[in-house]
Amino acid sequence: MSIFQKSQSAQKTRKAFKSTHIATQTTYATEILA
C-alpha cells in the first residue's frame, strides 16, 4: 500500500467518523428538544 493510498483511506475513515458523529449529535439534540 502506497503512502498516498494510506492517507486516502485515513481521510475516508475520518470523514465517515465525522458524519457519524454529526448524526449522533443531531439525534441527541432532537431528543432534548422533543
Protein backbone atom coordinates (compact mmCIF):
# COMPACT_ATOMS: atom_id res chain seq x y z
CA MET A 1 0.00 0.00 0.00
CA SER A 2 1.43 3.35 -1.01
CA ILE A 3 1.57 6.40 1.26
CA PHE A 4 -0.99 8.09 -0.97
CA GLN A 5 -3.42 5.19 -0.59
CA LYS A 6 -2.88 5.16 3.16
CA SER A 7 -3.66 8.86 3.51
CA GLN A 8 -6.71 8.46 1.29
CA SER A 9 -8.15 5.65 3.40
CA ALA A 10 -7.35 7.64 6.54
CA GLN A 11 -9.32 10.57 5.13
CA LYS A 12 -12.24 8.28 4.29
CA THR A 13 -12.23 6.89 7.83
CA ARG A 14 -12.13 10.39 9.27
CA LYS A 15 -15.00 11.52 7.04
CA ALA A 16 -17.10 8.52 7.99
CA PHE A 17 -16.39 9.10 11.67
CA LYS A 18 -17.25 12.79 11.32
CA SER A 19 -20.58 12.14 9.60
CA THR A 20 -21.47 9.51 12.21
CA HIS A 21 -20.58 11.98 14.96
CA ILE A 22 -22.73 14.70 13.37
CA ALA A 23 -25.65 12.29 13.06
CA THR A 24 -25.26 11.34 16.72
CA GLN A 25 -25.21 14.99 17.79
CA THR A 26 -28.27 15.74 15.67
CA THR A 27 -30.18 12.83 17.17
CA TYR A 28 -29.12 13.88 20.66
CA ALA A 29 -30.23 17.47 20.07
CA THR A 30 -33.55 16.29 18.64
CA GLU A 31 -34.18 14.14 21.71
CA ILE A 32 -33.53 17.09 24.03
CA LEU A 33 -35.93 19.32 22.08
CA ALA A 34 -38.61 16.65 21.77
